[in-house]
Amino acid sequence: MIRKFLRPGEFCIVTEPTILETLVGSCVTVCLYNLRNGCAAMNHFLRDKPVGGAKADIGEFGSTSTQHIIARLMAIDASPTHYRAVIFGGAAVLKMASGSDIGRKNVDMAMKVLADAHIRVAHKEVLGQRGRRVTFETETGTAECRFAGDVGKKRRG
């Protein structure tokens, strides 16, 4: 089976069984799975939305990245009820002097984009103070998550 590791700002849409992996702290990953045909997607975004009129890199922001993977999957199957989402990340891994909560903003954006697209969130494991390593098996739609540095895994899906 193909394996792909997503770095910050990357996303992947697949129609063949693939194992997608990433490591998130304050960043967020959205795993999307089609219950009927097995197509799937995963992103890894750094911030909630672009600020000002600057040209945005699609993968960097939750608003653009999550909308993009949804649009690509909807081009294959346009029924939102055929999809389930799982969200991980948004931890406060660094103390911010400004009091800004980047992780919470990232989680809120993922939830908003998915709600706007009428896609059900089957599970979310977010916030806290530790990073997470996520493995998403697109063949089954199963996501495994463990805290960065831990040996054991928790199965979610």
Protein backbone atom coordinates (compact mmCIF):
# COMPACT_ATOMS: atom_id res chain seq x y z
CA MET A 1 0.00 0.00 0.00
CA ILE A 2 1.19 3.52 -0.78
CA ARG A 3 2.30 5.66 2.20
CA LYS A 4 2.51 9.45 2.16
CA PHE A 5 3.63 11.79 4.93
CA LEU A 6 2.07 15.27 4.82
CA ARG A 7 4.20 18.21 5.89
CA PRO A 8 2.72 21.52 7.06
CA GLY A 9 0.81 23.19 4.23
CA GLU A 10 0.30 19.98 2.25
CA PHE A 11 -2.87 18.09 1.34
CA CYS A 12 -3.59 14.87 -0.52
CA ILE A 13 -6.66 13.53 -2.31
CA VAL A 14 -6.67 9.80 -3.15
CA THR A 15 -8.89 7.30 -4.95
CA GLU A 16 -6.67 4.28 -4.25
CA PRO A 17 -5.95 2.73 -0.82
CA THR A 18 -3.25 4.86 0.80
CA ILE A 19 -1.84 5.40 4.27
CA LEU A 20 -1.62 9.14 4.95
CA GLU A 21 0.37 10.36 7.94
CA THR A 22 1.22 13.64 9.59
CA LEU A 23 2.34 15.20 12.86
CA VAL A 24 0.41 18.20 14.22
CA GLY A 25 0.79 20.55 17.16
CA SER A 26 -1.15 23.81 16.84
CA CYS A 27 -1.70 22.87 13.19
CA VAL A 28 -4.82 20.88 12.32
CA THR A 29 -5.41 17.91 10.06
CA VAL A 30 -8.79 17.07 8.56
CA CYS A 31 -9.27 13.49 7.37
CA LEU A 32 -12.21 13.06 4.97
CA TYR A 33 -13.55 9.69 3.86
CA ASN A 34 -16.29 8.72 1.40
CA LEU A 35 -18.33 5.85 2.85
CA ARG A 36 -19.54 4.68 -0.58
CA ASN A 37 -16.53 4.73 -2.90
CA GLY A 38 -13.48 4.95 -0.62
CA CYS A 39 -12.06 8.19 -2.00
CA ALA A 40 -10.44 10.23 0.73
CA ALA A 41 -8.40 13.31 1.55
CA MET A 42 -6.21 14.71 4.27
CA ASN A 43 -4.76 18.16 4.85
CA HIS A 44 -2.31 19.72 7.31
CA PHE A 45 -2.83 23.45 7.72
CA LEU A 46 -0.96 25.99 9.81
CA ARG A 47 -3.37 28.90 10.31
CA ASP A 48 -7.09 29.48 10.12
CA LYS A 49 -7.35 32.06 7.31
CA PRO A 50 -5.29 34.56 5.31
CA VAL A 51 -5.06 38.08 6.68
CA GLY A 52 -5.40 41.13 4.45
CA GLY A 53 -5.17 40.98 0.69
CA ALA A 54 -2.08 38.78 0.50
CA LYS A 55 -2.22 35.93 -2.00
CA ALA A 56 -2.78 32.74 -0.04
CA ASP A 57 -1.06 29.40 -0.45
CA ILE A 58 -4.05 27.00 -0.54
CA GLY A 59 -2.46 24.49 1.81
CA GLU A 60 -1.36 26.94 4.50
CA PHE A 61 -4.80 27.99 5.70
CA GLY A 62 -7.73 25.98 7.04
CA SER A 63 -10.25 28.07 5.15
CA THR A 64 -8.65 27.42 1.75
CA SER A 65 -7.16 23.97 2.31
CA THR A 66 -10.27 22.37 3.76
CA GLN A 67 -12.52 23.97 1.10
CA HIS A 68 -10.12 22.70 -1.57
CA ILE A 69 -10.11 19.06 -0.46
CA ILE A 70 -13.90 19.13 -0.07
CA ALA A 71 -14.33 20.56 -3.58
CA ARG A 72 -12.02 17.94 -5.07
CA LEU A 73 -13.89 15.10 -3.36
CA MET A 74 -17.29 16.57 -4.25
CA ALA A 75 -16.21 16.50 -7.90
CA ILE A 76 -16.06 12.71 -7.52
CA ASP A 77 -19.23 12.29 -5.41
CA ALA A 78 -21.33 15.39 -4.68
CA SER A 79 -23.40 13.98 -1.80
CA PRO A 80 -22.19 15.36 1.56
CA THR A 81 -23.98 12.55 3.40
CA HIS A 82 -21.51 10.07 1.89
CA TYR A 83 -18.61 11.69 3.77
CA ARG A 84 -17.30 11.60 7.31
CA ALA A 85 -14.60 13.82 8.80
CA VAL A 86 -12.14 13.33 11.63
CA ILE A 87 -10.17 16.29 13.02
CA PHE A 88 -6.93 16.25 15.01
CA GLY A 89 -4.60 18.93 16.36
CA GLY A 90 -4.97 22.48 17.55
CA ALA A 91 -2.81 22.01 20.64
CA ALA A 92 -1.29 24.90 22.55
CA VAL A 93 2.24 23.51 22.31
CA LEU A 94 3.92 26.91 22.72
CA LYS A 95 3.09 29.68 25.16
CA MET A 96 2.17 32.76 23.12
CA ALA A 97 3.04 36.13 24.68
CA SER A 98 0.17 37.76 22.78
CA GLY A 99 -2.37 35.35 24.25
CA SER A 100 -3.33 34.31 20.70
CA ASP A 101 -4.78 30.82 20.53
CA ILE A 102 -3.75 29.65 17.06
CA GLY A 103 -4.75 26.05 17.72
CA ARG A 104 -8.30 26.90 18.78
CA LYS A 105 -8.73 29.20 15.76
CA ASN A 106 -7.55 26.38 13.49
CA VAL A 107 -10.01 23.90 15.01
CA ASP A 108 -12.87 26.42 14.78
CA MET A 109 -12.12 27.04 11.10
CA ALA A 110 -12.07 23.32 10.27
CA MET A 111 -15.41 22.86 12.04
CA LYS A 112 -16.93 25.87 10.23
CA VAL A 113 -15.84 24.77 6.74
CA LEU A 114 -17.11 21.23 7.33
CA ALA A 115 -20.43 22.51 8.71
CA ASP A 116 -20.84 24.86 5.73
CA ALA A 117 -20.33 21.84 3.43
CA HIS A 118 -22.82 19.75 5.49
CA ILE A 119 -20.17 17.10 6.25
CA ARG A 120 -20.55 15.24 9.53
CA VAL A 121 -17.63 15.22 11.94
CA ALA A 122 -17.48 11.64 13.21
CA HIS A 123 -14.72 12.34 15.74
CA LYS A 124 -12.39 15.08 16.85
CA GLU A 125 -9.41 14.94 19.15
CA VAL A 126 -8.25 18.51 19.52
CA LEU A 127 -6.68 21.15 21.75
CA GLY A 128 -4.65 20.22 24.81
CA GLN A 129 -0.91 20.87 25.09
CA ARG A 130 0.71 18.00 23.17
CA GLY A 131 1.30 17.31 19.52
CA ARG A 132 -0.25 14.30 17.83
CA ARG A 133 0.91 11.81 15.23
CA VAL A 134 -1.95 10.82 12.92
CA THR A 135 -2.17 7.82 10.58
CA PHE A 136 -5.16 7.70 8.23
CA GLU A 137 -5.90 4.46 6.35
CA THR A 138 -8.03 5.55 3.41
CA GLU A 139 -9.11 2.01 2.52
CA THR A 140 -11.09 1.72 5.76
CA GLY A 141 -11.50 5.38 6.72
CA THR A 142 -9.79 4.64 10.03
CA ALA A 143 -7.60 7.23 11.73
CA GLU A 144 -5.13 6.32 14.45
CA CYS A 145 -3.75 8.98 16.74
CA ARG A 146 -1.15 9.03 19.45
CA PHE A 147 0.45 11.84 21.33
CA ALA A 148 3.84 12.76 19.95
CA GLY A 149 6.44 10.79 21.86
CA ASP A 150 4.03 8.08 23.08
CA VAL A 151 4.40 4.49 21.92
CA GLY A 152 0.78 3.30 22.14
CA LYS A 153 -1.95 4.11 19.63
CA LYS A 154 -5.59 5.01 19.95
CA ARG A 155 -7.85 3.89 17.11
CA ARG A 156 -10.47 6.33 15.83
CA GLY A 157 -12.61 6.25 12.77
